[in-house]
Structure formats: C-alpha cells, structure tokens
Amino acid sequence: MPDLAAAPLSVSSLVLRSRQLEIDAVRHLASRAALVDVVGQLIEGLQRERGASGVYLASKAQRFADLRGRIVQEVVALEAQLRGEFAQHVEPAQGATAKALSLMAWALLGLDALPALRSQIDKQAMTAHDSIAAFSHLIAGLVELVFHVADAAGLPSVSRQLVALVHLVQAQEEAGQERAMGALLFASGQGSDAHQQRVLHLIDAQERSLRAFAEFADVALRTRWEQQQLAPGMAQLERLRRTLCVVRPGAALDSNLSDAWFDVCTERITALWQLQVDLVQRLREDCAAHIVQAQQDLQDSKGLLRGLRDNPPQRTHAVDRFFDIAIAPTAVEQSAAGAQGAESASLLELLQAQSARMASMEAELEAARRTLNERKVIERAKGVLMARLGMNEEVAFRVLQKTSMDQNRRLLDVAEATLSLPDLAFAHPDRKGDKSS
C-alpha cells in the first residue's frame, strides 16, 4: 500500500485516496451489518421472552413457566453478545456517531433493568399487560438502532436491502406484539376491547411494514414470503384472529387456545426471522464484494484512473449537449474527429452510459431515503398526537389515517402538517364532539 499522506498531490494520489476512503466506508457499513445481526438476534429473543412472560402472568403462573426459564437463559447470553458488539462500535474510527451511541446507551439502560423486571414477573408482582409494555419499550429502542444503521448507507444495493430489513424487523416486532397480546387475551379467558383493538392495529401495521419490505427486497426473498402466506398455519392464524377479534368484551374465551395461538404465531414469526437472517447474510456478502472490488482497483493505478474517467461528477450531465455528436457544432465535431477519431467516440459512449448509470443509482438511493424519511415523519407525528392529546399509538395512527382520507391528502402530508402546526387540533375518534363548532 503506498503512503498516500506522503504522496505528492496528483490525479493519481487523489484517486487512490478516494478509493481508500470508499473501502473504509464499506468496511464500516459491513461492521454495522454485523451489529444489526446481533441486535436482530436479541430482538427475536426478547420477543419470545415477552410472549412467554405474558402467558405466564395472564395464566397466574399455570402456563409457560419452564419455557420462559429456558428463553431467559438464551436471552441473557445474547445480552452479553450485544454488549461485546457495542464495545467494538464506540470509536469514531469505527464509524460511530452521536446518535448511534445515544441509542446504544438507551439499549444498555433497558438491558440493565431486565433483572428487576424478571424478578417482578417471577413474583407475579405485575400484570401481563405491563410486562408486555416493558419489553416492547426496550425492543422499540433496539429497532430504532437498526433504523439508524439503515439511514446511514450510501450504496444503492445496500440501501435497498437495509430499507427492506428495517421494515422486516418492524413487521416481526409487530407480529411479536400481536402474539403477546393475543396470548394474554386467550390465557385470561375473556375478551377486552382495548386489547382487541391493539391486536387489530398490529395486524394492520404488519401489512404496511410487509408491503414496504416487498417493495425493496430482492425477487427471491419476496417470492419466498409470498409462498409462505399459503402455508396451512396461516389459515389457522386467521381463524384464531377472528376468534379473538369478534368476541364481545368480557365474554368468555377458551383459555386452552393460548398454546395453539402461541405456536401458530411463532411459526409466522420464525418465517419472518429466517427471512431476516438471509437478508442480513446477503447484506454482508454485498459489502464484502464491494470491498474486494475496491481493493482490486486500488492495486491497479491505471484501473483507478480509468475509473475516474468512467465515473464523472453528477453535474456532468449539464454539458452533455456540448459533447453530444448529433447536435454539437460542426467545428467541434470536426476537431474531435481529427484529434481523437474512434477513441473519442468510444469515450463519449462511456460518458453517456456512465451518466445514465449514475442517474439510476441516485434514483435508487433517493427512493430508499424517501421511504425511510416517510416512516420517521409518521412515527414522529404519532408521538406528537400521543403527547398532545393523550392518545395511545393505534388511536393516534387512526386519527392521521382518517384525516388523510377526509382531506384526500397523503398520509405523509398530514403527518408533516401535524409536526409543523403546533396548535393543530384533531378530533379524537373515540369522542363525540359538537359538530357545529
């Protein structure tokens, strides 16, 4: 490796330095992909612990005691693994950012509180609902860390995979919450309007997340997920969902169905988890391939200079007309032909092809960034309504959704208006106000 810092300033040294920075950036991205892998494993473990703990409490310690104990042991090992992974990402040289470190600190705060939470569950000193809320709070911070990693990518192929991953993780978490809430309802033996509304909201939220996953995932993963929707377990899940959602509040539910519910939901979540594992593996392989290619280029100065020629700055499209042989002035055309001949024509073709490729890459990156930004804006708007009007999450989303339909505006536009107009008043969907006001 040449000493780039000591090399005289030249086209070659600048290109070499540019390529080295690109390698460093992809290495940081590969390192973050490893972090996402471990975070994803812990999320999956916490989701299982949340579900088992909810059933344990709702059944007054009659169900899932042994299962919960085994899951806790697995999650404790994953906690230690994540702490070790965090230790590898605290330095700026490893691509650490203030936001990432803040999210890591928040996650560690939640992990530090887990022993006390588990002790309360052991003693049945809290309700099933409160235990589900506590686990969900911790998982939400871990999901946000995954989101932050996705928001930092700069390679189109990697960005698309990360956007797909964010929404897949989100769908898995929503499916995990559905499993926990449904298990709570079945184990308690009676319907509850608030819990049933939460289940309905989670079913709808999963569909939104999975639509975004399908938009950005590659064809093979998308096809696999579509095929999994035809599995016999999905039909059983839909029957149990109907049983949960149509029972009247306070009416009896068959508590013996809690095991069947937990199993069929777990089957669905496992399918989502396997997709997540494969997606992370493809992400890491893509990063490795980019590093190998960049390192090969770094060893070939001629190739690097050729790369400079083949990858012009984005604004070169502004002079495309000047270099377009079909419309260029005759004098320029003759000069180019006399000086460079066929070589100039070949270079022009390269420039035009590269310009089109760069435009396509930028469009892909923009689509990925737009999808991530829309999610951030809508989540922030929900938080504003929850804080301002005392709504829960599903009610806040229904308010945004209803306003979007009533005003024939995009959901994103309504969310942005909610954030930009502090005094904007929304009618609570569960309150009957004076229509004339």
Protein backbone atom coordinates (compact mmCIF):
# COMPACT_ATOMS: atom_id res chain seq x y z
CA MET A 1 0.00 0.00 0.00
CA PRO A 2 1.53 3.37 -0.99
CA ASP A 3 1.87 6.07 1.65
CA LEU A 4 -0.95 8.29 0.44
CA ALA A 5 -0.34 11.01 3.01
CA ALA A 6 3.26 11.48 1.77
CA ALA A 7 2.43 11.24 -1.93
CA PRO A 8 2.51 14.50 -3.93
CA LEU A 9 -0.85 15.92 -4.90
CA SER A 10 -1.84 14.50 -8.26
CA VAL A 11 -4.77 12.95 -10.06
CA SER A 12 -3.41 9.51 -9.21
CA SER A 13 -2.95 10.22 -5.48
CA LEU A 14 -6.41 11.76 -5.22
CA VAL A 15 -8.00 8.76 -6.91
CA LEU A 16 -6.08 6.39 -4.65
CA ARG A 17 -7.21 8.30 -1.58
CA SER A 18 -10.79 8.37 -2.83
CA ARG A 19 -10.81 4.61 -3.29
CA GLN A 20 -9.28 4.03 0.15
CA LEU A 21 -11.99 6.17 1.75
CA GLU A 22 -14.59 4.17 -0.15
CA ILE A 23 -13.11 0.94 1.20
CA ASP A 24 -13.16 2.37 4.74
CA ALA A 25 -16.80 3.41 4.34
CA VAL A 26 -17.88 -0.03 3.14
CA ARG A 27 -15.93 -1.68 5.96
CA HIS A 28 -17.79 0.49 8.45
CA LEU A 29 -21.04 -0.50 6.78
CA ALA A 30 -20.08 -4.18 6.98
CA SER A 31 -19.30 -3.69 10.67
CA ARG A 32 -22.70 -2.10 11.21
CA ALA A 33 -24.30 -5.04 9.40
CA ALA A 34 -22.66 -7.32 11.98
CA LEU A 35 -24.14 -5.11 14.71
CA VAL A 36 -27.58 -5.36 13.10
CA ASP A 37 -27.21 -9.14 13.06
CA VAL A 38 -26.62 -9.30 16.83
CA VAL A 39 -29.32 -6.70 17.58
CA GLY A 40 -31.76 -8.72 15.48
CA GLN A 41 -30.97 -11.90 17.42
CA LEU A 42 -31.56 -10.13 20.74
CA ILE A 43 -34.82 -8.61 19.49
CA GLU A 44 -36.04 -12.08 18.49
CA GLY A 45 -35.09 -13.47 21.90
CA LEU A 46 -36.77 -10.64 23.78
CA GLN A 47 -39.90 -11.11 21.68
CA ARG A 48 -40.07 -14.76 22.74
CA GLU A 49 -39.45 -13.83 26.37
CA ARG A 50 -42.15 -11.16 26.20
CA GLY A 51 -44.70 -13.63 24.82
CA ALA A 52 -43.88 -16.37 27.33
CA SER A 53 -43.91 -13.89 30.23
CA GLY A 54 -47.29 -12.54 29.19
CA VAL A 55 -48.84 -16.01 29.14
CA TYR A 56 -47.13 -16.88 32.45
CA LEU A 57 -48.65 -13.85 34.17
CA ALA A 58 -52.06 -13.97 32.48
CA SER A 59 -52.46 -17.66 33.44
CA LYS A 60 -51.35 -16.95 37.04
CA ALA A 61 -48.14 -18.97 36.58
CA GLN A 62 -50.01 -22.03 35.30
CA ARG A 63 -48.56 -21.90 31.77
CA PHE A 64 -45.13 -21.47 30.15
CA ALA A 65 -43.07 -21.43 33.36
CA ASP A 66 -40.46 -23.88 32.03
CA LEU A 67 -40.45 -22.38 28.54
CA ARG A 68 -39.94 -18.92 29.96
CA GLY A 69 -36.99 -20.11 32.04
CA ARG A 70 -35.23 -21.57 29.00
CA ILE A 71 -35.83 -18.44 26.94
CA VAL A 72 -34.42 -16.21 29.68
CA GLN A 73 -31.17 -18.19 29.69
CA GLU A 74 -30.86 -17.78 25.90
CA VAL A 75 -31.58 -14.04 26.08
CA VAL A 76 -29.01 -13.47 28.84
CA ALA A 77 -26.35 -14.96 26.54
CA LEU A 78 -27.49 -12.69 23.69
CA GLU A 79 -27.33 -9.67 26.00
CA ALA A 80 -23.67 -10.39 26.70
CA GLN A 81 -23.01 -10.78 22.98
CA LEU A 82 -24.60 -7.42 22.23
CA ARG A 83 -22.60 -5.66 24.95
CA GLY A 84 -19.44 -7.04 23.36
CA GLU A 85 -20.57 -5.84 19.93
CA PHE A 86 -21.29 -2.37 21.30
CA ALA A 87 -17.73 -2.21 22.62
CA GLN A 88 -16.50 -2.57 19.03
CA HIS A 89 -18.52 0.43 17.81
CA VAL A 90 -17.77 3.21 20.31
CA GLU A 91 -14.89 4.88 18.48
CA PRO A 92 -15.31 7.41 15.63
CA ALA A 93 -12.74 5.40 13.66
CA GLN A 94 -15.30 2.59 13.59
CA GLY A 95 -17.95 4.88 12.14
CA ALA A 96 -19.61 5.70 15.47
CA THR A 97 -21.99 8.68 15.53
CA ALA A 98 -23.53 10.62 18.40
CA LYS A 99 -26.96 9.26 17.50
CA ALA A 100 -25.75 5.65 17.39
CA LEU A 101 -24.01 5.97 20.76
CA SER A 102 -27.12 7.54 22.28
CA LEU A 103 -29.25 4.64 21.03
CA MET A 104 -26.70 2.13 22.35
CA ALA A 105 -26.80 3.84 25.76
CA TRP A 106 -30.59 3.71 25.76
CA ALA A 107 -30.48 -0.02 24.92
CA LEU A 108 -27.99 -0.70 27.72
CA LEU A 109 -30.23 1.18 30.15
CA GLY A 110 -33.06 -1.18 29.24
CA LEU A 111 -30.86 -4.26 29.48
CA ASP A 112 -29.65 -3.17 32.92
CA ALA A 113 -33.29 -3.03 34.06
CA LEU A 114 -34.12 -6.55 32.86
CA PRO A 115 -33.11 -8.43 36.05
CA ALA A 116 -35.54 -6.34 38.11
CA LEU A 117 -38.28 -6.82 35.52
CA ARG A 118 -37.75 -10.59 35.52
CA SER A 119 -37.84 -10.65 39.31
CA GLN A 120 -41.21 -8.90 39.31
CA ILE A 121 -42.52 -11.41 36.77
CA ASP A 122 -41.22 -14.33 38.85
CA LYS A 123 -43.13 -12.98 41.86
CA GLN A 124 -46.22 -12.18 39.73
CA ALA A 125 -45.91 -8.64 41.05
CA MET A 126 -47.05 -7.03 37.80
CA THR A 127 -49.77 -7.54 35.22
CA ALA A 128 -49.28 -9.31 31.91
CA HIS A 129 -50.10 -6.06 30.11
CA ASP A 130 -47.43 -4.14 32.00
CA SER A 131 -44.79 -6.79 31.31
CA ILE A 132 -45.59 -6.72 27.59
CA ALA A 133 -45.33 -2.92 27.63
CA ALA A 134 -41.96 -3.04 29.40
CA PHE A 135 -40.43 -5.49 26.93
CA SER A 136 -41.93 -3.58 23.98
CA HIS A 137 -40.35 -0.36 25.24
CA LEU A 138 -36.89 -1.94 25.23
CA ILE A 139 -37.39 -3.59 21.83
CA ALA A 140 -38.53 -0.27 20.33
CA GLY A 141 -35.14 1.27 21.12
CA LEU A 142 -33.33 -1.66 19.50
CA VAL A 143 -35.49 -1.37 16.39
CA GLU A 144 -34.64 2.33 16.24
CA LEU A 145 -30.93 1.42 16.30
CA VAL A 146 -31.50 -0.80 13.25
CA PHE A 147 -33.29 2.11 11.59
CA HIS A 148 -30.33 4.43 12.27
CA VAL A 149 -27.93 1.99 10.61
CA ALA A 150 -30.17 1.81 7.55
CA ASP A 151 -30.33 5.59 7.33
CA ALA A 152 -26.53 5.82 7.04
CA ALA A 153 -25.99 3.69 3.92
CA GLY A 154 -24.69 5.23 0.69
CA LEU A 155 -24.61 2.29 -1.71
CA PRO A 156 -27.81 1.72 -3.73
CA SER A 157 -27.82 -2.08 -3.46
CA VAL A 158 -27.03 -1.94 0.25
CA SER A 159 -29.56 0.85 0.86
CA ARG A 160 -32.36 -1.16 -0.71
CA GLN A 161 -31.51 -4.19 1.42
CA LEU A 162 -31.36 -2.07 4.55
CA VAL A 163 -34.74 -0.46 3.85
CA ALA A 164 -36.20 -3.95 3.33
CA LEU A 165 -34.52 -5.06 6.57
CA VAL A 166 -35.89 -2.15 8.63
CA HIS A 167 -39.44 -2.93 7.59
CA LEU A 168 -38.96 -6.67 8.05
CA VAL A 169 -37.67 -6.09 11.60
CA GLN A 170 -40.61 -3.78 12.23
CA ALA A 171 -43.09 -6.37 10.90
CA GLN A 172 -41.51 -9.05 13.06
CA GLU A 173 -41.83 -6.84 16.14
CA GLU A 174 -45.48 -6.08 15.32
CA ALA A 175 -46.10 -9.82 14.87
CA GLY A 176 -44.36 -10.43 18.20
CA GLN A 177 -46.60 -7.88 19.93
CA GLU A 178 -49.64 -9.50 18.31
CA ARG A 179 -48.53 -12.89 19.66
CA ALA A 180 -48.10 -11.46 23.15
CA MET A 181 -51.42 -9.56 23.22
CA GLY A 182 -53.38 -12.48 21.76
CA ALA A 183 -51.78 -14.92 24.19
CA LEU A 184 -52.69 -12.56 27.04
CA LEU A 185 -56.33 -12.50 25.89
CA PHE A 186 -56.63 -16.26 25.49
CA ALA A 187 -54.82 -17.00 28.75
CA SER A 188 -57.02 -14.53 30.66
CA GLY A 189 -60.12 -16.34 29.36
CA GLN A 190 -62.13 -13.26 28.40
CA GLY A 191 -62.34 -10.52 25.79
CA SER A 192 -61.06 -6.98 26.34
CA ASP A 193 -61.94 -4.16 23.99
CA ALA A 194 -58.64 -2.29 24.50
CA HIS A 195 -56.56 -5.41 23.88
CA GLN A 196 -58.67 -6.45 20.89
CA GLN A 197 -58.23 -3.01 19.33
CA ARG A 198 -54.49 -3.34 19.88
CA VAL A 199 -54.45 -6.68 18.05
CA LEU A 200 -56.37 -5.18 15.10
CA HIS A 201 -53.92 -2.28 14.94
CA LEU A 202 -50.95 -4.66 14.97
CA ILE A 203 -52.41 -6.76 12.15
CA ASP A 204 -52.83 -3.63 10.02
CA ALA A 205 -49.35 -2.37 10.94
CA GLN A 206 -47.78 -5.66 9.87
CA GLU A 207 -49.37 -5.41 6.46
CA ARG A 208 -47.99 -1.89 5.96
CA SER A 209 -44.49 -2.95 7.01
CA LEU A 210 -44.52 -6.05 4.81
CA ARG A 211 -45.66 -4.06 1.78
CA ALA A 212 -42.59 -1.83 2.19
CA PHE A 213 -40.39 -4.91 2.68
CA ALA A 214 -41.74 -6.43 -0.55
CA GLU A 215 -41.07 -3.21 -2.46
CA PHE A 216 -37.35 -3.15 -1.58
CA ALA A 217 -36.47 -6.83 -1.10
CA ASP A 218 -34.99 -8.82 -3.97
CA VAL A 219 -37.26 -11.06 -6.02
CA ALA A 220 -36.14 -14.32 -4.36
CA LEU A 221 -36.91 -13.16 -0.81
CA ARG A 222 -40.18 -11.54 -1.86
CA THR A 223 -41.28 -14.74 -3.62
CA ARG A 224 -40.38 -16.84 -0.58
CA TRP A 225 -42.51 -14.66 1.65
CA GLU A 226 -45.47 -14.80 -0.74
CA GLN A 227 -45.25 -18.59 -0.79
CA GLN A 228 -45.15 -18.72 3.00
CA GLN A 229 -48.50 -16.94 3.09
CA LEU A 230 -50.05 -20.10 1.59
CA ALA A 231 -48.85 -22.33 4.46
CA PRO A 232 -51.59 -24.18 6.44
CA GLY A 233 -50.57 -22.31 9.59
CA MET A 234 -51.69 -19.01 8.06
CA ALA A 235 -55.26 -20.30 7.69
CA GLN A 236 -55.25 -21.39 11.34
CA LEU A 237 -53.85 -18.00 12.37
CA GLU A 238 -56.66 -16.20 10.54
CA ARG A 239 -59.28 -18.38 12.31
CA LEU A 240 -57.77 -17.62 15.72
CA ARG A 241 -57.56 -13.93 14.85
CA ARG A 242 -61.29 -13.91 14.11
CA THR A 243 -61.99 -15.71 17.39
CA LEU A 244 -60.04 -13.03 19.26
CA CYS A 245 -61.42 -10.01 17.48
CA VAL A 246 -65.16 -10.82 17.30
CA VAL A 247 -65.70 -11.89 20.91
CA ARG A 248 -67.57 -9.31 22.98
CA PRO A 249 -65.60 -7.54 25.71
CA GLY A 250 -65.97 -9.52 28.92
CA ALA A 251 -67.26 -12.61 27.10
CA ALA A 252 -65.53 -15.93 27.65
CA LEU A 253 -62.55 -17.08 25.56
CA ASP A 254 -61.26 -20.64 25.56
CA SER A 255 -58.01 -20.38 27.53
CA ASN A 256 -56.90 -23.74 26.12
CA LEU A 257 -56.38 -21.97 22.79
CA SER A 258 -53.46 -19.95 24.18
CA ASP A 259 -50.97 -22.71 23.31
CA ALA A 260 -52.31 -23.08 19.77
CA TRP A 261 -52.22 -19.30 19.31
CA PHE A 262 -48.67 -19.03 20.59
CA ASP A 263 -47.50 -21.87 18.34
CA VAL A 264 -49.08 -20.59 15.13
CA CYS A 265 -47.88 -17.03 15.75
CA THR A 266 -44.41 -18.37 16.48
CA GLU A 267 -44.44 -20.23 13.17
CA ARG A 268 -45.16 -16.97 11.36
CA ILE A 269 -42.53 -15.04 13.32
CA THR A 270 -39.97 -17.78 12.67
CA ALA A 271 -40.61 -17.41 8.94
CA LEU A 272 -40.03 -13.67 9.24
CA TRP A 273 -36.90 -14.29 11.30
CA GLN A 274 -35.47 -16.66 8.68
CA LEU A 275 -36.03 -14.02 6.02
CA GLN A 276 -34.21 -11.54 8.26
CA VAL A 277 -31.26 -13.91 8.73
CA ASP A 278 -30.95 -14.42 4.97
CA LEU A 279 -31.30 -10.70 4.29
CA VAL A 280 -28.52 -9.82 6.74
CA GLN A 281 -26.31 -12.50 5.17
CA ARG A 282 -26.87 -11.04 1.70
CA LEU A 283 -26.15 -7.58 3.05
CA ARG A 284 -22.83 -8.72 4.47
CA GLU A 285 -21.93 -10.55 1.26
CA ASP A 286 -22.72 -7.42 -0.77
CA CYS A 287 -20.44 -5.34 1.47
CA ALA A 288 -17.66 -7.94 1.15
CA ALA A 289 -17.99 -7.94 -2.64
CA HIS A 290 -17.72 -4.13 -2.75
CA ILE A 291 -14.58 -4.23 -0.58
CA VAL A 292 -12.94 -6.88 -2.77
CA GLN A 293 -13.69 -4.91 -5.92
CA ALA A 294 -12.38 -1.66 -4.42
CA GLN A 295 -9.20 -3.36 -3.21
CA GLN A 296 -8.57 -4.77 -6.66
CA ASP A 297 -8.94 -1.31 -8.15
CA LEU A 298 -6.59 0.10 -5.53
CA GLN A 299 -3.81 -2.19 -6.77
CA ASP A 300 -4.24 -1.01 -10.33
CA SER A 301 -3.48 2.67 -10.77
CA LYS A 302 -4.40 2.51 -14.42
CA GLY A 303 -7.71 0.98 -13.48
CA LEU A 304 -8.27 3.72 -10.92
CA LEU A 305 -7.61 6.44 -13.47
CA ARG A 306 -9.89 4.68 -15.88
CA GLY A 307 -12.46 4.59 -13.06
CA LEU A 308 -12.11 8.35 -12.68
CA ARG A 309 -12.85 8.77 -16.36
CA ASP A 310 -15.78 6.35 -16.19
CA ASN A 311 -17.36 7.93 -13.10
CA PRO A 312 -17.77 11.65 -13.74
CA PRO A 313 -19.23 14.04 -11.14
CA GLN A 314 -23.03 14.19 -11.07
CA ARG A 315 -23.21 17.63 -12.65
CA THR A 316 -21.52 16.48 -15.89
CA HIS A 317 -24.96 15.99 -17.38
CA ALA A 318 -25.10 19.80 -17.69
CA VAL A 319 -22.59 19.67 -20.59
CA ASP A 320 -23.97 16.52 -22.22
CA ARG A 321 -25.38 18.55 -25.10
CA PHE A 322 -21.96 20.04 -25.85
CA PHE A 323 -20.46 16.57 -26.18
CA ASP A 324 -23.39 15.06 -27.99
CA ILE A 325 -22.07 14.45 -31.53
CA ALA A 326 -25.53 14.51 -33.01
CA ILE A 327 -26.12 18.16 -32.03
CA ALA A 328 -22.65 19.60 -31.43
CA PRO A 329 -21.43 22.45 -33.68
CA THR A 330 -19.73 21.31 -36.87
CA ALA A 331 -16.37 22.86 -35.88
CA VAL A 332 -16.31 20.98 -32.57
CA GLU A 333 -17.38 17.81 -34.35
CA GLN A 334 -14.58 18.10 -36.91
CA SER A 335 -11.99 18.93 -34.24
CA ALA A 336 -12.94 15.93 -32.15
CA ALA A 337 -12.88 13.64 -35.14
CA GLY A 338 -9.49 14.90 -36.31
CA ALA A 339 -7.81 14.77 -32.91
CA GLN A 340 -9.19 11.61 -31.40
CA GLY A 341 -11.22 9.75 -34.00
CA ALA A 342 -12.69 6.48 -32.88
CA GLU A 343 -11.21 6.83 -29.37
CA SER A 344 -13.26 9.99 -28.75
CA ALA A 345 -16.41 8.29 -29.92
CA SER A 346 -15.68 5.40 -27.57
CA LEU A 347 -15.09 7.77 -24.66
CA LEU A 348 -18.31 9.58 -25.44
CA GLU A 349 -20.19 6.32 -25.28
CA LEU A 350 -18.62 5.57 -21.92
CA LEU A 351 -19.56 9.00 -20.62
CA GLN A 352 -23.15 8.66 -21.76
CA ALA A 353 -23.51 5.15 -20.36
CA GLN A 354 -21.95 6.15 -17.05
CA SER A 355 -24.16 9.22 -16.80
CA ALA A 356 -27.24 7.03 -17.18
CA ARG A 357 -25.93 4.53 -14.62
CA MET A 358 -25.16 7.25 -12.06
CA ALA A 359 -28.61 8.76 -12.56
CA SER A 360 -30.19 5.35 -11.95
CA MET A 361 -28.10 4.83 -8.79
CA GLU A 362 -29.06 8.23 -7.45
CA ALA A 363 -32.74 7.50 -8.12
CA GLU A 364 -32.47 4.23 -6.15
CA LEU A 365 -30.79 5.97 -3.23
CA GLU A 366 -33.41 8.71 -3.26
CA ALA A 367 -36.25 6.15 -3.23
CA ALA A 368 -34.67 4.39 -0.24
CA ARG A 369 -34.10 7.64 1.65
CA ARG A 370 -37.66 8.80 0.92
CA THR A 371 -39.19 5.60 2.31
CA LEU A 372 -37.11 5.84 5.50
CA ASN A 373 -37.93 9.52 5.91
CA GLU A 374 -41.67 8.88 5.50
CA ARG A 375 -41.56 6.33 8.29
CA LYS A 376 -39.69 8.75 10.54
CA VAL A 377 -42.15 11.60 9.91
CA ILE A 378 -45.24 9.44 10.52
CA GLU A 379 -43.79 7.96 13.72
CA ARG A 380 -42.91 11.45 14.99
CA ALA A 381 -46.42 12.71 14.16
CA LYS A 382 -47.95 9.81 16.09
CA GLY A 383 -45.74 10.70 19.05
CA VAL A 384 -46.88 14.33 18.92
CA LEU A 385 -50.57 13.33 18.98
CA MET A 386 -49.95 10.85 21.79
CA ALA A 387 -48.24 13.54 23.89
CA ARG A 388 -50.60 16.40 22.95
CA LEU A 389 -53.96 14.64 23.18
CA GLY A 390 -53.21 11.67 25.43
CA MET A 391 -53.91 9.11 22.71
CA ASN A 392 -52.41 5.65 22.54
CA GLU A 393 -50.46 4.58 19.46
CA GLU A 394 -53.27 2.94 17.50
CA VAL A 395 -55.69 5.81 18.10
CA ALA A 396 -53.05 8.35 17.03
CA PHE A 397 -52.47 6.45 13.80
CA ARG A 398 -56.22 6.17 13.12
CA VAL A 399 -56.53 9.94 13.56
CA LEU A 400 -53.78 10.55 10.98
CA GLN A 401 -55.28 7.95 8.66
CA LYS A 402 -58.82 9.35 8.94
CA THR A 403 -57.62 12.92 8.40
CA SER A 404 -55.73 11.73 5.32
CA MET A 405 -58.88 10.16 3.86
CA ASP A 406 -61.23 13.01 4.84
CA GLN A 407 -58.96 15.65 3.30
CA ASN A 408 -57.87 13.49 0.35
CA ARG A 409 -54.22 14.10 1.24
CA ARG A 410 -51.28 11.75 1.52
CA LEU A 411 -50.63 10.34 4.99
CA LEU A 412 -47.13 11.85 4.83
CA ASP A 413 -48.57 15.33 4.14
CA VAL A 414 -50.90 15.06 7.14
CA ALA A 415 -48.01 13.89 9.33
CA GLU A 416 -45.84 16.82 8.21
CA ALA A 417 -48.68 19.24 8.93
CA THR A 418 -49.03 17.76 12.41
CA LEU A 419 -45.36 18.45 13.09
CA SER A 420 -45.31 21.94 11.59
CA LEU A 421 -48.52 23.32 13.16
CA PRO A 422 -48.23 23.12 16.96
CA ASP A 423 -51.80 24.33 17.55
CA LEU A 424 -53.39 21.96 15.02
CA ALA A 425 -56.38 20.27 16.66
CA PHE A 426 -57.57 16.79 15.76
CA ALA A 427 -60.85 15.29 16.81
CA HIS A 428 -60.34 12.22 18.98
CA PRO A 429 -62.05 9.34 17.11
CA ASP A 430 -63.48 7.95 20.36
CA ARG A 431 -65.00 11.26 21.47
CA LYS A 432 -68.22 12.73 20.15
CA GLY A 433 -67.78 16.46 19.91
CA ASP A 434 -70.06 19.26 18.81
CA LYS A 435 -70.29 19.03 15.02
CA SER A 436 -71.28 22.66 14.75
CA SER A 437 -68.13 24.03 16.34
